[in-house]
Full PDB file with SEQRES, HELIX, SHEET, SSBOND, CRYST1, ORIGX, SCALE, CONECT and MASTER records, all heavy atoms in Angstrom:
SEQRES   1 A   37  ASP THR ILE PRO THR ILE GLY SER ARG ARG ALA ARG PRO          
SEQRES   2 A   37  GLY ASP LEU ASP SER ILE VAL THR ASP TRP SER VAL ASP          
SEQRES   3 A   37  PRO ASP ASP TRP GLY ARG PHE LEU ILE ALA THR                  
HELIX    1 AA1 ARG A    9  ALA A   11  5                                   3    
HELIX    2 AA2 PRO A   27  ALA A   36  1                                  10    
CRYST1    1.000    1.000    1.000  90.00  90.00  90.00 P 1           1          
ORIGX1      1.000000  0.000000  0.000000        0.00000                         
ORIGX2      0.000000  1.000000  0.000000        0.00000                         
ORIGX3      0.000000  0.000000  1.000000        0.00000                         
SCALE1      1.000000  0.000000  0.000000        0.00000                         
SCALE2      0.000000  1.000000  0.000000        0.00000                         
SCALE3      0.000000  0.000000  1.000000        0.00000                         
ATOM      1  N   ASP A   1      -7.891 -13.730  -9.572  1.00  0.00           N  
ATOM      2  CA  ASP A   1      -7.076 -13.218 -10.674  1.00  0.00           C  
ATOM      3  C   ASP A   1      -6.795 -11.719 -10.564  1.00  0.00           C  
ATOM      4  O   ASP A   1      -6.099 -11.155 -11.402  1.00  0.00           O  
ATOM      5  CB  ASP A   1      -7.721 -13.536 -12.025  1.00  0.00           C  
ATOM      6  CG  ASP A   1      -9.118 -12.925 -12.177  1.00  0.00           C  
ATOM      7  OD1 ASP A   1      -9.655 -12.400 -11.174  1.00  0.00           O  
ATOM      8  OD2 ASP A   1      -9.664 -12.970 -13.304  1.00  0.00           O  
ATOM      9  N   THR A   2      -7.344 -11.067  -9.533  1.00  0.00           N  
ATOM     10  CA  THR A   2      -7.099  -9.639  -9.349  1.00  0.00           C  
ATOM     11  C   THR A   2      -6.087  -9.355  -8.246  1.00  0.00           C  
ATOM     12  O   THR A   2      -5.737  -8.198  -8.019  1.00  0.00           O  
ATOM     13  CB  THR A   2      -8.409  -8.898  -9.015  1.00  0.00           C  
ATOM     14  OG1 THR A   2      -8.892  -9.334  -7.729  1.00  0.00           O  
ATOM     15  CG2 THR A   2      -9.467  -9.160 -10.077  1.00  0.00           C  
ATOM     16  N   ILE A   3      -5.621 -10.388  -7.550  1.00  0.00           N  
ATOM     17  CA  ILE A   3      -4.736 -10.196  -6.404  1.00  0.00           C  
ATOM     18  C   ILE A   3      -3.320  -9.884  -6.885  1.00  0.00           C  
ATOM     19  O   ILE A   3      -2.719 -10.678  -7.618  1.00  0.00           O  
ATOM     20  CB  ILE A   3      -4.726 -11.447  -5.509  1.00  0.00           C  
ATOM     21  CG1 ILE A   3      -6.152 -11.752  -5.019  1.00  0.00           C  
ATOM     22  CG2 ILE A   3      -3.795 -11.253  -4.327  1.00  0.00           C  
ATOM     23  CD1 ILE A   3      -6.258 -13.042  -4.234  1.00  0.00           C  
ATOM     24  N   PRO A   4      -2.728  -8.734  -6.477  1.00  0.00           N  
ATOM     25  CA  PRO A   4      -1.382  -8.370  -6.923  1.00  0.00           C  
ATOM     26  C   PRO A   4      -0.296  -8.975  -6.032  1.00  0.00           C  
ATOM     27  O   PRO A   4      -0.562  -9.481  -4.943  1.00  0.00           O  
ATOM     28  CB  PRO A   4      -1.386  -6.848  -6.800  1.00  0.00           C  
ATOM     29  CG  PRO A   4      -2.281  -6.599  -5.626  1.00  0.00           C  
ATOM     30  CD  PRO A   4      -3.346  -7.664  -5.674  1.00  0.00           C  
ATOM     31  N   THR A   5       0.921  -8.901  -6.497  1.00  0.00           N  
ATOM     32  CA  THR A   5       2.077  -9.378  -5.742  1.00  0.00           C  
ATOM     33  C   THR A   5       2.566  -8.284  -4.799  1.00  0.00           C  
ATOM     34  O   THR A   5       2.517  -7.100  -5.134  1.00  0.00           O  
ATOM     35  CB  THR A   5       3.207  -9.797  -6.701  1.00  0.00           C  
ATOM     36  OG1 THR A   5       2.724 -10.814  -7.572  1.00  0.00           O  
ATOM     37  CG2 THR A   5       4.418 -10.316  -5.936  1.00  0.00           C  
ATOM     38  N   ILE A   6       3.036  -8.666  -3.633  1.00  0.00           N  
ATOM     39  CA  ILE A   6       3.578  -7.721  -2.656  1.00  0.00           C  
ATOM     40  C   ILE A   6       4.663  -6.856  -3.295  1.00  0.00           C  
ATOM     41  O   ILE A   6       5.503  -7.333  -4.062  1.00  0.00           O  
ATOM     42  CB  ILE A   6       4.148  -8.475  -1.431  1.00  0.00           C  
ATOM     43  CG1 ILE A   6       4.540  -7.492  -0.323  1.00  0.00           C  
ATOM     44  CG2 ILE A   6       5.328  -9.360  -1.831  1.00  0.00           C  
ATOM     45  CD1 ILE A   6       3.382  -6.887   0.375  1.00  0.00           C  
ATOM     46  N   GLY A   7       4.614  -5.550  -3.010  1.00  0.00           N  
ATOM     47  CA  GLY A   7       5.605  -4.624  -3.538  1.00  0.00           C  
ATOM     48  C   GLY A   7       5.292  -4.051  -4.898  1.00  0.00           C  
ATOM     49  O   GLY A   7       5.950  -3.105  -5.339  1.00  0.00           O  
ATOM     50  N   SER A   8       4.284  -4.610  -5.572  1.00  0.00           N  
ATOM     51  CA  SER A   8       3.916  -4.096  -6.886  1.00  0.00           C  
ATOM     52  C   SER A   8       3.129  -2.800  -6.732  1.00  0.00           C  
ATOM     53  O   SER A   8       2.634  -2.471  -5.651  1.00  0.00           O  
ATOM     54  CB  SER A   8       3.109  -5.130  -7.661  1.00  0.00           C  
ATOM     55  OG  SER A   8       1.862  -5.390  -7.024  1.00  0.00           O  
ATOM     56  N   ARG A   9       2.968  -2.064  -7.849  1.00  0.00           N  
ATOM     57  CA  ARG A   9       2.291  -0.773  -7.772  1.00  0.00           C  
ATOM     58  C   ARG A   9       0.834  -0.924  -7.331  1.00  0.00           C  
ATOM     59  O   ARG A   9       0.292  -0.046  -6.639  1.00  0.00           O  
ATOM     60  CB  ARG A   9       2.355  -0.064  -9.125  1.00  0.00           C  
ATOM     61  CG  ARG A   9       1.707  -0.822 -10.281  1.00  0.00           C  
ATOM     62  CD  ARG A   9       1.685  -0.038 -11.572  1.00  0.00           C  
ATOM     63  NE  ARG A   9       1.040  -0.772 -12.645  1.00  0.00           N  
ATOM     64  CZ  ARG A   9      -0.281  -0.858 -12.799  1.00  0.00           C  
ATOM     65  NH1 ARG A   9      -1.096  -0.231 -11.952  1.00  0.00           N  
ATOM     66  NH2 ARG A   9      -0.803  -1.539 -13.816  1.00  0.00           N  
ATOM     67  N   ARG A  10       0.186  -2.020  -7.707  1.00  0.00           N  
ATOM     68  CA  ARG A  10      -1.214  -2.228  -7.333  1.00  0.00           C  
ATOM     69  C   ARG A  10      -1.358  -2.615  -5.860  1.00  0.00           C  
ATOM     70  O   ARG A  10      -2.474  -2.617  -5.333  1.00  0.00           O  
ATOM     71  CB  ARG A  10      -1.858  -3.304  -8.210  1.00  0.00           C  
ATOM     72  CG  ARG A  10      -2.000  -2.921  -9.670  1.00  0.00           C  
ATOM     73  CD  ARG A  10      -2.778  -3.982 -10.461  1.00  0.00           C  
ATOM     74  NE  ARG A  10      -4.111  -4.160  -9.901  1.00  0.00           N  
ATOM     75  CZ  ARG A  10      -4.556  -5.346  -9.476  1.00  0.00           C  
ATOM     76  NH1 ARG A  10      -3.783  -6.418  -9.531  1.00  0.00           N  
ATOM     77  NH2 ARG A  10      -5.786  -5.441  -8.972  1.00  0.00           N  
ATOM     78  N   ALA A  11      -0.253  -2.906  -5.196  1.00  0.00           N  
ATOM     79  CA  ALA A  11      -0.276  -3.242  -3.774  1.00  0.00           C  
ATOM     80  C   ALA A  11       0.078  -2.029  -2.918  1.00  0.00           C  
ATOM     81  O   ALA A  11       0.532  -2.167  -1.780  1.00  0.00           O  
ATOM     82  CB  ALA A  11       0.677  -4.402  -3.481  1.00  0.00           C  
ATOM     83  N   ARG A  12      -0.175  -0.846  -3.454  1.00  0.00           N  
ATOM     84  CA  ARG A  12       0.042   0.399  -2.728  1.00  0.00           C  
ATOM     85  C   ARG A  12      -1.123   1.346  -2.986  1.00  0.00           C  
ATOM     86  O   ARG A  12      -1.734   1.290  -4.055  1.00  0.00           O  
ATOM     87  CB  ARG A  12       1.343   1.071  -3.159  1.00  0.00           C  
ATOM     88  CG  ARG A  12       2.602   0.293  -2.831  1.00  0.00           C  
ATOM     89  CD  ARG A  12       3.844   1.066  -3.225  1.00  0.00           C  
ATOM     90  NE  ARG A  12       5.053   0.367  -2.888  1.00  0.00           N  
ATOM     91  CZ  ARG A  12       5.616   0.330  -1.697  1.00  0.00           C  
ATOM     92  NH1 ARG A  12       5.082   1.008  -0.709  1.00  0.00           N  
ATOM     93  NH2 ARG A  12       6.719  -0.353  -1.479  1.00  0.00           N  
ATOM     94  N   PRO A  13      -1.412   2.253  -2.059  1.00  0.00           N  
ATOM     95  CA  PRO A  13      -2.475   3.223  -2.314  1.00  0.00           C  
ATOM     96  C   PRO A  13      -2.021   4.267  -3.311  1.00  0.00           C  
ATOM     97  O   PRO A  13      -0.828   4.525  -3.460  1.00  0.00           O  
ATOM     98  CB  PRO A  13      -2.718   3.844  -0.930  1.00  0.00           C  
ATOM     99  CG  PRO A  13      -1.399   3.715  -0.227  1.00  0.00           C  
ATOM    100  CD  PRO A  13      -0.803   2.420  -0.723  1.00  0.00           C  
ATOM    101  N   GLY A  14      -2.973   4.878  -3.999  1.00  0.00           N  
ATOM    102  CA  GLY A  14      -2.666   5.971  -4.912  1.00  0.00           C  
ATOM    103  C   GLY A  14      -2.618   5.584  -6.371  1.00  0.00           C  
ATOM    104  O   GLY A  14      -2.824   6.424  -7.243  1.00  0.00           O  
ATOM    105  N   ASP A  15      -2.336   4.323  -6.684  1.00  0.00           N  
ATOM    106  CA  ASP A  15      -2.329   3.873  -8.061  1.00  0.00           C  
ATOM    107  C   ASP A  15      -3.755   3.792  -8.584  1.00  0.00           C  
ATOM    108  O   ASP A  15      -4.677   3.424  -7.847  1.00  0.00           O  
ATOM    109  CB  ASP A  15      -1.640   2.507  -8.179  1.00  0.00           C  
ATOM    110  CG  ASP A  15      -1.426   2.081  -9.615  1.00  0.00           C  
ATOM    111  OD1 ASP A  15      -0.368   2.445 -10.171  1.00  0.00           O  
ATOM    112  OD2 ASP A  15      -2.298   1.404 -10.196  1.00  0.00           O  
ATOM    113  N   LEU A  16      -3.949   4.121  -9.856  1.00  0.00           N  
ATOM    114  CA  LEU A  16      -5.288   4.090 -10.429  1.00  0.00           C  
ATOM    115  C   LEU A  16      -5.906   2.696 -10.381  1.00  0.00           C  
ATOM    116  O   LEU A  16      -7.127   2.546 -10.343  1.00  0.00           O  
ATOM    117  CB  LEU A  16      -5.255   4.591 -11.881  1.00  0.00           C  
ATOM    118  CG  LEU A  16      -5.003   6.090 -12.073  1.00  0.00           C  
ATOM    119  CD1 LEU A  16      -4.879   6.429 -13.547  1.00  0.00           C  
ATOM    120  CD2 LEU A  16      -6.138   6.910 -11.442  1.00  0.00           C  
ATOM    121  N   ASP A  17      -5.066   1.678 -10.371  1.00  0.00           N  
ATOM    122  CA  ASP A  17      -5.540   0.299 -10.356  1.00  0.00           C  
ATOM    123  C   ASP A  17      -5.206  -0.398  -9.043  1.00  0.00           C  
ATOM    124  O   ASP A  17      -5.115  -1.625  -8.998  1.00  0.00           O  
ATOM    125  CB  ASP A  17      -4.923  -0.464 -11.542  1.00  0.00           C  
ATOM    126  CG  ASP A  17      -5.693  -1.744 -11.873  1.00  0.00           C  
ATOM    127  OD1 ASP A  17      -6.900  -1.789 -11.591  1.00  0.00           O  
ATOM    128  OD2 ASP A  17      -5.067  -2.686 -12.410  1.00  0.00           O  
ATOM    129  N   SER A  18      -5.038   0.380  -7.966  1.00  0.00           N  
ATOM    130  CA  SER A  18      -4.676  -0.198  -6.675  1.00  0.00           C  
ATOM    131  C   SER A  18      -5.804  -1.058  -6.129  1.00  0.00           C  
ATOM    132  O   SER A  18      -6.984  -0.808  -6.383  1.00  0.00           O  
ATOM    133  CB  SER A  18      -4.360   0.910  -5.670  1.00  0.00           C  
ATOM    134  OG  SER A  18      -4.096   0.358  -4.387  1.00  0.00           O  
ATOM    135  N   ILE A  19      -5.444  -2.059  -5.327  1.00  0.00           N  
ATOM    136  CA  ILE A  19      -6.449  -2.913  -4.689  1.00  0.00           C  
ATOM    137  C   ILE A  19      -7.003  -2.283  -3.424  1.00  0.00           C  
ATOM    138  O   ILE A  19      -7.970  -2.791  -2.848  1.00  0.00           O  
ATOM    139  CB  ILE A  19      -5.878  -4.301  -4.349  1.00  0.00           C  
ATOM    140  CG1 ILE A  19      -4.666  -4.160  -3.394  1.00  0.00           C  
ATOM    141  CG2 ILE A  19      -5.556  -5.082  -5.589  1.00  0.00           C  
ATOM    142  CD1 ILE A  19      -4.337  -5.437  -2.669  1.00  0.00           C  
ATOM    143  N   VAL A  20      -6.384  -1.184  -2.959  1.00  0.00           N  
ATOM    144  CA  VAL A  20      -6.847  -0.524  -1.740  1.00  0.00           C  
ATOM    145  C   VAL A  20      -7.277   0.903  -2.037  1.00  0.00           C  
ATOM    146  O   VAL A  20      -6.903   1.495  -3.043  1.00  0.00           O  
ATOM    147  CB  VAL A  20      -5.760  -0.529  -0.637  1.00  0.00           C  
ATOM    148  CG1 VAL A  20      -5.443  -1.936  -0.187  1.00  0.00           C  
ATOM    149  CG2 VAL A  20      -4.505   0.195  -1.105  1.00  0.00           C  
ATOM    150  N   THR A  21      -8.068   1.459  -1.133  1.00  0.00           N  
ATOM    151  CA  THR A  21      -8.542   2.831  -1.266  1.00  0.00           C  
ATOM    152  C   THR A  21      -7.391   3.823  -1.131  1.00  0.00           C  
ATOM    153  O   THR A  21      -6.337   3.505  -0.571  1.00  0.00           O  
ATOM    154  CB  THR A  21      -9.580   3.139  -0.182  1.00  0.00           C  
ATOM    155  OG1 THR A  21      -8.992   2.891   1.109  1.00  0.00           O  
ATOM    156  CG2 THR A  21     -10.818   2.264  -0.354  1.00  0.00           C  
ATOM    157  N   ASP A  22      -7.617   5.039  -1.616  1.00  0.00           N  
ATOM    158  CA  ASP A  22      -6.576   6.060  -1.575  1.00  0.00           C  
ATOM    159  C   ASP A  22      -6.176   6.438  -0.156  1.00  0.00           C  
ATOM    160  O   ASP A  22      -5.062   6.929   0.062  1.00  0.00           O  
ATOM    161  CB  ASP A  22      -7.031   7.314  -2.322  1.00  0.00           C  
ATOM    162  CG  ASP A  22      -7.012   7.141  -3.829  1.00  0.00           C  
ATOM    163  OD1 ASP A  22      -6.401   6.174  -4.312  1.00  0.00           O  
ATOM    164  OD2 ASP A  22      -7.621   7.984  -4.536  1.00  0.00           O  
ATOM    165  N   TRP A  23      -7.078   6.267   0.800  1.00  0.00           N  
ATOM    166  CA  TRP A  23      -6.770   6.657   2.168  1.00  0.00           C  
ATOM    167  C   TRP A  23      -6.127   5.529   2.988  1.00  0.00           C  
ATOM    168  O   TRP A  23      -5.779   5.741   4.158  1.00  0.00           O  
ATOM    169  CB  TRP A  23      -8.026   7.161   2.876  1.00  0.00           C  
ATOM    170  CG  TRP A  23      -9.213   6.242   2.738  1.00  0.00           C  
ATOM    171  CD1 TRP A  23      -9.473   5.107   3.446  1.00  0.00           C  
ATOM    172  CD2 TRP A  23     -10.302   6.392   1.825  1.00  0.00           C  
ATOM    173  NE1 TRP A  23     -10.641   4.529   3.033  1.00  0.00           N  
ATOM    174  CE2 TRP A  23     -11.190   5.306   2.033  1.00  0.00           C  
ATOM    175  CE3 TRP A  23     -10.630   7.342   0.853  1.00  0.00           C  
ATOM    176  CZ2 TRP A  23     -12.363   5.142   1.316  1.00  0.00           C  
ATOM    177  CZ3 TRP A  23     -11.796   7.178   0.122  1.00  0.00           C  
ATOM    178  CH2 TRP A  23     -12.652   6.083   0.358  1.00  0.00           C  
ATOM    179  N   SER A  24      -5.984   4.361   2.411  1.00  0.00           N  
ATOM    180  CA  SER A  24      -5.307   3.266   3.112  1.00  0.00           C  
ATOM    181  C   SER A  24      -3.843   3.614   3.350  1.00  0.00           C  
ATOM    182  O   SER A  24      -3.205   4.271   2.526  1.00  0.00           O  
ATOM    183  CB  SER A  24      -5.405   1.971   2.312  1.00  0.00           C  
ATOM    184  OG  SER A  24      -6.747   1.526   2.222  1.00  0.00           O  
ATOM    185  N   VAL A  25      -3.300   3.156   4.470  1.00  0.00           N  
ATOM    186  CA  VAL A  25      -1.913   3.452   4.796  1.00  0.00           C  
ATOM    187  C   VAL A  25      -0.979   2.673   3.862  1.00  0.00           C  
ATOM    188  O   VAL A  25      -1.243   1.505   3.529  1.00  0.00           O  
ATOM    189  CB  VAL A  25      -1.614   3.119   6.272  1.00  0.00           C  
ATOM    190  CG1 VAL A  25      -1.776   1.619   6.546  1.00  0.00           C  
ATOM    191  CG2 VAL A  25      -0.233   3.590   6.685  1.00  0.00           C  
ATOM    192  N   ASP A  26       0.081   3.329   3.416  1.00  0.00           N  
ATOM    193  CA  ASP A  26       1.099   2.651   2.613  1.00  0.00           C  
ATOM    194  C   ASP A  26       1.883   1.690   3.509  1.00  0.00           C  
ATOM    195  O   ASP A  26       2.231   2.054   4.641  1.00  0.00           O  
ATOM    196  CB  ASP A  26       2.047   3.685   1.988  1.00  0.00           C  
ATOM    197  CG  ASP A  26       3.111   3.054   1.126  1.00  0.00           C  
ATOM    198  OD1 ASP A  26       4.188   2.700   1.669  1.00  0.00           O  
ATOM    199  OD2 ASP A  26       2.879   2.902  -0.082  1.00  0.00           O  
ATOM    200  N   PRO A  27       2.169   0.466   3.053  1.00  0.00           N  
ATOM    201  CA  PRO A  27       2.871  -0.501   3.910  1.00  0.00           C  
ATOM    202  C   PRO A  27       4.201   0.018   4.456  1.00  0.00           C  
ATOM    203  O   PRO A  27       4.509  -0.196   5.641  1.00  0.00           O  
ATOM    204  CB  PRO A  27       3.083  -1.702   2.989  1.00  0.00           C  
ATOM    205  CG  PRO A  27       1.997  -1.596   1.973  1.00  0.00           C  
ATOM    206  CD  PRO A  27       1.789  -0.138   1.759  1.00  0.00           C  
ATOM    207  N   ASP A  28       4.993   0.682   3.611  1.00  0.00           N  
ATOM    208  CA  ASP A  28       6.279   1.203   4.077  1.00  0.00           C  
ATOM    209  C   ASP A  28       6.081   2.343   5.073  1.00  0.00           C  
ATOM    210  O   ASP A  28       6.839   2.458   6.056  1.00  0.00           O  
ATOM    211  CB  ASP A  28       7.128   1.673   2.894  1.00  0.00           C  
ATOM    212  CG  ASP A  28       7.606   0.513   2.027  1.00  0.00           C  
ATOM    213  OD1 ASP A  28       7.697  -0.627   2.530  1.00  0.00           O  
ATOM    214  OD2 ASP A  28       7.893   0.744   0.830  1.00  0.00           O  
ATOM    215  N   ASP A  29       5.097   3.187   4.821  1.00  0.00           N  
ATOM    216  CA  ASP A  29       4.802   4.272   5.760  1.00  0.00           C  
ATOM    217  C   ASP A  29       4.360   3.710   7.114  1.00  0.00           C  
ATOM    218  O   ASP A  29       4.665   4.281   8.166  1.00  0.00           O  
ATOM    219  CB  ASP A  29       3.705   5.184   5.209  1.00  0.00           C  
ATOM    220  CG  ASP A  29       4.197   6.108   4.112  1.00  0.00           C  
ATOM    221  OD1 ASP A  29       5.423   6.251   3.954  1.00  0.00           O  
ATOM    222  OD2 ASP A  29       3.346   6.690   3.396  1.00  0.00           O  
ATOM    223  N   TRP A  30       3.635   2.594   7.111  1.00  0.00           N  
ATOM    224  CA  TRP A  30       3.219   1.949   8.347  1.00  0.00           C  
ATOM    225  C   TRP A  30       4.442   1.524   9.159  1.00  0.00           C  
ATOM    226  O   TRP A  30       4.504   1.734  10.372  1.00  0.00           O  
ATOM    227  CB  TRP A  30       2.318   0.754   8.047  1.00  0.00           C  
ATOM    228  CG  TRP A  30       1.911  -0.073   9.235  1.00  0.00           C  
ATOM    229  CD1 TRP A  30       2.132  -1.415   9.417  1.00  0.00           C  
ATOM    230  CD2 TRP A  30       1.189   0.346  10.393  1.00  0.00           C  
ATOM    231  NE1 TRP A  30       1.596  -1.857  10.604  1.00  0.00           N  
ATOM    232  CE2 TRP A  30       1.011  -0.781  11.230  1.00  0.00           C  
ATOM    233  CE3 TRP A  30       0.686   1.586  10.816  1.00  0.00           C  
ATOM    234  CZ2 TRP A  30       0.348  -0.725  12.447  1.00  0.00           C  
ATOM    235  CZ3 TRP A  30       0.032   1.644  12.051  1.00  0.00           C  
ATOM    236  CH2 TRP A  30      -0.135   0.500  12.848  1.00  0.00           C  
ATOM    237  N   GLY A  31       5.425   0.945   8.492  1.00  0.00           N  
ATOM    238  CA  GLY A  31       6.653   0.553   9.176  1.00  0.00           C  
ATOM    239  C   GLY A  31       7.385   1.748   9.754  1.00  0.00           C  
ATOM    240  O   GLY A  31       7.839   1.722  10.908  1.00  0.00           O  
ATOM    241  N   ARG A  32       7.505   2.808   8.972  1.00  0.00           N  
ATOM    242  CA  ARG A  32       8.194   4.013   9.447  1.00  0.00           C  
ATOM    243  C   ARG A  32       7.436   4.665  10.603  1.00  0.00           C  
ATOM    244  O   ARG A  32       8.047   5.176  11.545  1.00  0.00           O  
ATOM    245  CB  ARG A  32       8.370   4.998   8.279  1.00  0.00           C  
ATOM    246  CG  ARG A  32       9.449   4.583   7.301  1.00  0.00           C  
ATOM    247  CD  ARG A  32       9.725   5.672   6.275  1.00  0.00           C  
ATOM    248  NE  ARG A  32       8.693   5.724   5.253  1.00  0.00           N  
ATOM    249  CZ  ARG A  32       8.781   5.100   4.077  1.00  0.00           C  
ATOM    250  NH1 ARG A  32       9.840   4.372   3.778  1.00  0.00           N  
ATOM    251  NH2 ARG A  32       7.814   5.205   3.183  1.00  0.00           N  
ATOM    252  N   PHE A  33       6.108   4.633  10.543  1.00  0.00           N  
ATOM    253  CA  PHE A  33       5.294   5.177  11.628  1.00  0.00           C  
ATOM    254  C   PHE A  33       5.552   4.414  12.924  1.00  0.00           C  
ATOM    255  O   PHE A  33       5.760   5.025  13.988  1.00  0.00           O  
ATOM    256  CB  PHE A  33       3.803   5.103  11.243  1.00  0.00           C  
ATOM    257  CG  PHE A  33       2.873   5.651  12.286  1.00  0.00           C  
ATOM    258  CD1 PHE A  33       2.452   6.973  12.240  1.00  0.00           C  
ATOM    259  CD2 PHE A  33       2.401   4.852  13.319  1.00  0.00           C  
ATOM    260  CE1 PHE A  33       1.587   7.491  13.195  1.00  0.00           C  
ATOM    261  CE2 PHE A  33       1.532   5.357  14.286  1.00  0.00           C  
ATOM    262  CZ  PHE A  33       1.129   6.681  14.219  1.00  0.00           C  
ATOM    263  N   LEU A  34       5.547   3.102  12.853  1.00  0.00           N  
ATOM    264  CA  LEU A  34       5.770   2.284  14.047  1.00  0.00           C  
ATOM    265  C   LEU A  34       7.172   2.494  14.611  1.00  0.00           C  
ATOM    266  O   LEU A  34       7.346   2.596  15.827  1.00  0.00           O  
ATOM    267  CB  LEU A  34       5.551   0.808  13.716  1.00  0.00           C  
ATOM    268  CG  LEU A  34       4.107   0.376  13.433  1.00  0.00           C  
ATOM    269  CD1 LEU A  34       4.067  -1.099  13.051  1.00  0.00           C  
ATOM    270  CD2 LEU A  34       3.212   0.634  14.633  1.00  0.00           C  
ATOM    271  N   ILE A  35       8.160   2.560  13.752  1.00  0.00           N  
ATOM    272  CA  ILE A  35       9.539   2.741  14.209  1.00  0.00           C  
ATOM    273  C   ILE A  35       9.698   4.073  14.933  1.00  0.00           C  
ATOM    274  O   ILE A  35      10.274   4.143  16.030  1.00  0.00           O  
ATOM    275  CB  ILE A  35      10.518   2.641  13.020  1.00  0.00           C  
ATOM    276  CG1 ILE A  35      10.589   1.203  12.510  1.00  0.00           C  
ATOM    277  CG2 ILE A  35      11.915   3.126  13.426  1.00  0.00           C  
ATOM    278  CD1 ILE A  35      11.335   1.046  11.192  1.00  0.00           C  
ATOM    279  N   ALA A  36       9.178   5.146  14.342  1.00  0.00           N  
ATOM    280  CA  ALA A  36       9.330   6.478  14.934  1.00  0.00           C  
ATOM    281  C   ALA A  36       8.594   6.587  16.266  1.00  0.00           C  
ATOM    282  O   ALA A  36       9.129   7.119  17.247  1.00  0.00           O  
ATOM    283  CB  ALA A  36       8.824   7.542  13.962  1.00  0.00           C  
ATOM    284  N   THR A  37       7.367   6.086  16.332  1.00  0.00           N  
ATOM    285  CA  THR A  37       6.601   6.181  17.573  1.00  0.00           C  
ATOM    286  C   THR A  37       7.154   5.237  18.639  1.00  0.00           C  
ATOM    287  O   THR A  37       7.143   5.566  19.829  1.00  0.00           O  
ATOM    288  CB  THR A  37       5.110   5.887  17.330  1.00  0.00           C  
ATOM    289  OG1 THR A  37       4.962   4.630  16.652  1.00  0.00           O  
ATOM    290  CG2 THR A  37       4.474   6.983  16.482  1.00  0.00           C  
TER     291      THR A  37                                                      
MASTER        0    0    0    2    0    0    0    6  290    1    0    3          
END                                                                             
């Protein structure tokens, strides 16, 4: 009952109620990192 939907605020780092730690990579940033490198 705590699992969020993809793209929601809780499925990103930085939110007070996020499911991941603050240092976890943001999913969109991961994509941009891979594309650039």
